[in-house]
C-alpha atoms as a PDB file:
ATOM      1  CA  MET A   1     140.257  27.634  40.212  1.00  0.00           C
ATOM      2  CA  ALA A   2     138.638  24.518  41.134  1.00  0.00           C
ATOM      3  CA  GLU A   3     136.263  22.896  38.867  1.00  0.00           C
ATOM      4  CA  THR A   4     132.800  22.271  40.221  1.00  0.00           C
ATOM      5  CA  GLN A   5     131.556  18.755  39.505  1.00  0.00           C
ATOM      6  CA  TYR A   6     127.698  18.280  39.229  1.00  0.00           C
ATOM      7  CA  VAL A   7     125.718  15.021  39.588  1.00  0.00           C
ATOM      8  CA  ASP A   8     123.937  14.024  36.430  1.00  0.00           C
ATOM      9  CA  GLU A   9     120.193  14.704  36.675  1.00  0.00           C
ATOM     10  CA  SER A  10     119.252  11.058  35.989  1.00  0.00           C
ATOM     11  CA  VAL A  11     121.532   9.834  39.045  1.00  0.00           C
ATOM     12  CA  CYS A  12     119.824  12.537  41.175  1.00  0.00           C
ATOM     13  CA  ALA A  13     116.442  11.451  40.139  1.00  0.00           C
ATOM     14  CA  GLU A  14     117.244   7.656  40.755  1.00  0.00           C
ATOM     15  CA  HIS A  15     118.500   8.694  44.198  1.00  0.00           C
ATOM     16  CA  MET A  16     115.428  10.601  44.919  1.00  0.00           C
ATOM     17  CA  ARG A  17     113.093   7.779  43.797  1.00  0.00           C
ATOM     18  CA  ARG A  18     114.956   5.387  46.039  1.00  0.00           C
ATOM     19  CA  VAL A  19     114.824   7.704  48.972  1.00  0.00           C
ATOM     20  CA  ASP A  20     110.955   8.176  48.271  1.00  0.00           C
ATOM     21  CA  ASP A  21     110.519   4.447  47.962  1.00  0.00           C
ATOM     22  CA  GLU A  22     112.368   3.985  51.384  1.00  0.00           C
ATOM     23  CA  ASN A  23     110.199   6.730  53.043  1.00  0.00           C
ATOM     24  CA  LYS A  24     106.985   4.925  51.803  1.00  0.00           C
ATOM     25  CA  ARG A  25     108.348   1.615  53.182  1.00  0.00           C
ATOM     26  CA  GLN A  26     109.111   3.176  56.508  1.00  0.00           C
ATOM     27  CA  ASN A  27     105.662   4.994  56.625  1.00  0.00           C
ATOM     28  CA  GLU A  28     104.032   1.716  56.099  1.00  0.00           C
ATOM     29  CA  ARG A  29     106.023  -0.073  58.810  1.00  0.00           C
ATOM     30  CA  ILE A  30     105.281   2.940  61.184  1.00  0.00           C
ATOM     31  CA  LYS A  31     101.507   2.616  60.387  1.00  0.00           C
ATOM     32  CA  LYS A  32     101.538  -1.101  61.109  1.00  0.00           C
ATOM     33  CA  LEU A  33     103.298  -0.494  64.366  1.00  0.00           C
ATOM     34  CA  GLU A  34     100.811   2.164  65.327  1.00  0.00           C
ATOM     35  CA  GLN A  35      98.045  -0.213  64.647  1.00  0.00           C
ATOM     36  CA  ALA A  36      99.725  -2.949  66.669  1.00  0.00           C
ATOM     37  CA  MET A  37     100.069  -0.455  69.503  1.00  0.00           C
ATOM     38  CA  ASP A  38      96.398   0.482  69.324  1.00  0.00           C
ATOM     39  CA  ASN A  39      95.420  -3.123  69.347  1.00  0.00           C
ATOM     40  CA  LEU A  40      97.765  -3.770  72.263  1.00  0.00           C
ATOM     41  CA  THR A  41      96.313  -0.864  74.132  1.00  0.00           C
ATOM     42  CA  ALA A  42      92.716  -2.057  73.492  1.00  0.00           C
ATOM     43  CA  LEU A  43      93.630  -5.624  74.674  1.00  0.00           C
ATOM     44  CA  THR A  44      95.392  -4.314  77.763  1.00  0.00           C
ATOM     45  CA  LEU A  45      92.261  -2.339  78.688  1.00  0.00           C
ATOM     46  CA  ASN A  46      89.910  -5.227  78.111  1.00  0.00           C
ATOM     47  CA  VAL A  47      92.169  -7.509  80.303  1.00  0.00           C
ATOM     48  CA  GLY A  48      91.897  -4.894  83.062  1.00  0.00           C
ATOM     49  CA  LYS A  49      88.137  -4.839  82.593  1.00  0.00           C
ATOM     50  CA  LEU A  50      88.098  -8.632  82.610  1.00  0.00           C
ATOM     51  CA  ALA A  51      90.261  -8.736  85.822  1.00  0.00           C
ATOM     52  CA  THR A  52      87.725  -6.381  87.398  1.00  0.00           C
ATOM     53  CA  ASN A  53      84.742  -8.502  86.341  1.00  0.00           C
ATOM     54  CA  MET A  54      86.415 -11.700  87.482  1.00  0.00           C
ATOM     55  CA  GLU A  55      87.178 -10.119  90.968  1.00  0.00           C
ATOM     56  CA  SER A  56      83.505  -9.050  91.244  1.00  0.00           C
ATOM     57  CA  MET A  57      82.213 -12.531  90.212  1.00  0.00           C
ATOM     58  CA  ASN A  58      84.698 -14.133  92.678  1.00  0.00           C
ATOM     59  CA  LYS A  59      83.096 -11.971  95.479  1.00  0.00           C
ATOM     60  CA  THR A  60      79.613 -12.885  94.439  1.00  0.00           C
ATOM     61  CA  LEU A  61      80.506 -16.554  94.355  1.00  0.00           C
ATOM     62  CA  GLU A  62      81.917 -16.331  97.772  1.00  0.00           C
ATOM     63  CA  LYS A  63      78.738 -14.797  99.097  1.00  0.00           C
ATOM     64  CA  GLN A  64      76.610 -17.445  97.190  1.00  0.00           C
ATOM     65  CA  GLY A  65      78.770 -20.171  98.744  1.00  0.00           C
ATOM     66  CA  GLN A  66      78.059 -18.876 102.173  1.00  0.00           C
ATOM     67  CA  ARG A  67      74.343 -18.722 101.474  1.00  0.00           C
ATOM     68  CA  LEU A  68      74.379 -22.309 100.171  1.00  0.00           C
ATOM     69  CA  GLU A  69      76.162 -23.472 103.326  1.00  0.00           C
ATOM     70  CA  LYS A  70      73.498 -21.766 105.482  1.00  0.00           C
ATOM     71  CA  LEU A  71      70.714 -23.376 103.261  1.00  0.00           C
ATOM     72  CA  GLU A  72      72.328 -26.858 103.542  1.00  0.00           C
ATOM     73  CA  GLU A  73      72.686 -26.644 107.203  1.00  0.00           C
ATOM     74  CA  ARG A  74      68.870 -25.833 107.757  1.00  0.00           C
ATOM     75  CA  PRO A  75      67.544 -29.258 107.194  1.00  0.00           C
ATOM     76  CA  MET A  76      70.225 -30.837 109.452  1.00  0.00           C
ATOM     77  CA  LYS A  77      69.245 -28.372 112.177  1.00  0.00           C
ATOM     78  CA  ARG A  78      65.594 -29.161 111.691  1.00  0.00           C
ATOM     79  CA  TRP A  79      66.372 -32.979 111.780  1.00  0.00           C
ATOM     80  CA  ASP A  80      68.374 -32.367 115.032  1.00  0.00           C
ATOM     81  CA  SER A  81      65.415 -30.619 116.577  1.00  0.00           C
ATOM     82  CA  VAL A  82      63.031 -33.354 115.511  1.00  0.00           C
ATOM     83  CA  ILE A  83      65.249 -35.975 117.129  1.00  0.00           C
ATOM     84  CA  ALA A  84      65.802 -33.926 120.291  1.00  0.00           C
ATOM     85  CA  ALA A  85      61.925 -33.554 120.472  1.00  0.00           C
ATOM     86  CA  VAL A  86      61.432 -37.368 120.009  1.00  0.00           C
ATOM     87  CA  ILE A  87      63.985 -38.134 122.763  1.00  0.00           C
ATOM     88  CA  ALA A  88      62.427 -35.426 124.979  1.00  0.00           C
ATOM     89  CA  GLY A  89      59.111 -36.997 124.381  1.00  0.00           C
ATOM     90  CA  VAL A  90      60.126 -40.534 125.016  1.00  0.00           C
ATOM     91  CA  VAL A  91      62.082 -39.479 128.318  1.00  0.00           C
ATOM     92  CA  GLY A  92      59.006 -37.547 129.305  1.00  0.00           C
ATOM     93  CA  LEU A  93      56.697 -40.421 128.522  1.00  0.00           C
ATOM     94  CA  LEU A  94      58.873 -42.830 130.572  1.00  0.00           C
ATOM     95  CA  PHE A  95      58.911 -40.313 133.591  1.00  0.00           C
ATOM     96  CA  GLY A  96      55.134 -39.994 133.164  1.00  0.00           C
ATOM     97  CA  LEU A  97      54.746 -43.834 133.266  1.00  0.00           C
ATOM     98  CA  ILE A  98      57.160 -44.213 136.081  1.00  0.00           C
ATOM     99  CA  SER A  99      55.402 -41.620 138.197  1.00  0.00           C
ATOM    100  CA  ALA A 100      52.043 -42.713 137.346  1.00  0.00           C
ATOM    101  CA  GLY A 101      53.308 -46.229 138.639  1.00  0.00           C
ATOM    102  CA  ILE A 102      52.580 -48.024 135.255  1.00  0.00           C
ATOM    103  CA  ILE A 103      56.378 -49.010 135.060  1.00  0.00           C
ATOM    104  CA  HIS A 104      58.322 -50.028 138.082  1.00  0.00           C
END
């Protein structure tokens, strides 16, 4: 009959301690990875929200730019109207003076 060999209790206890230590170390690493993933997920969501806000702000800025262009054009249109009215008045005055016989 074959003899059964047993591992000494102290060797078994040491092996179990090492396995437990390794498990604790691995569990800490897993916990840190989970925290990093949670942070990455939160960052990704925030970047998505930021992109949406930037798109909205860009549309608002485009609208404001169009409104600003219209506002900037107003005084020029008014000035053009004033110049046209002055020219029309001068031409009308000249025709009036010519037809009245004051200018030959």
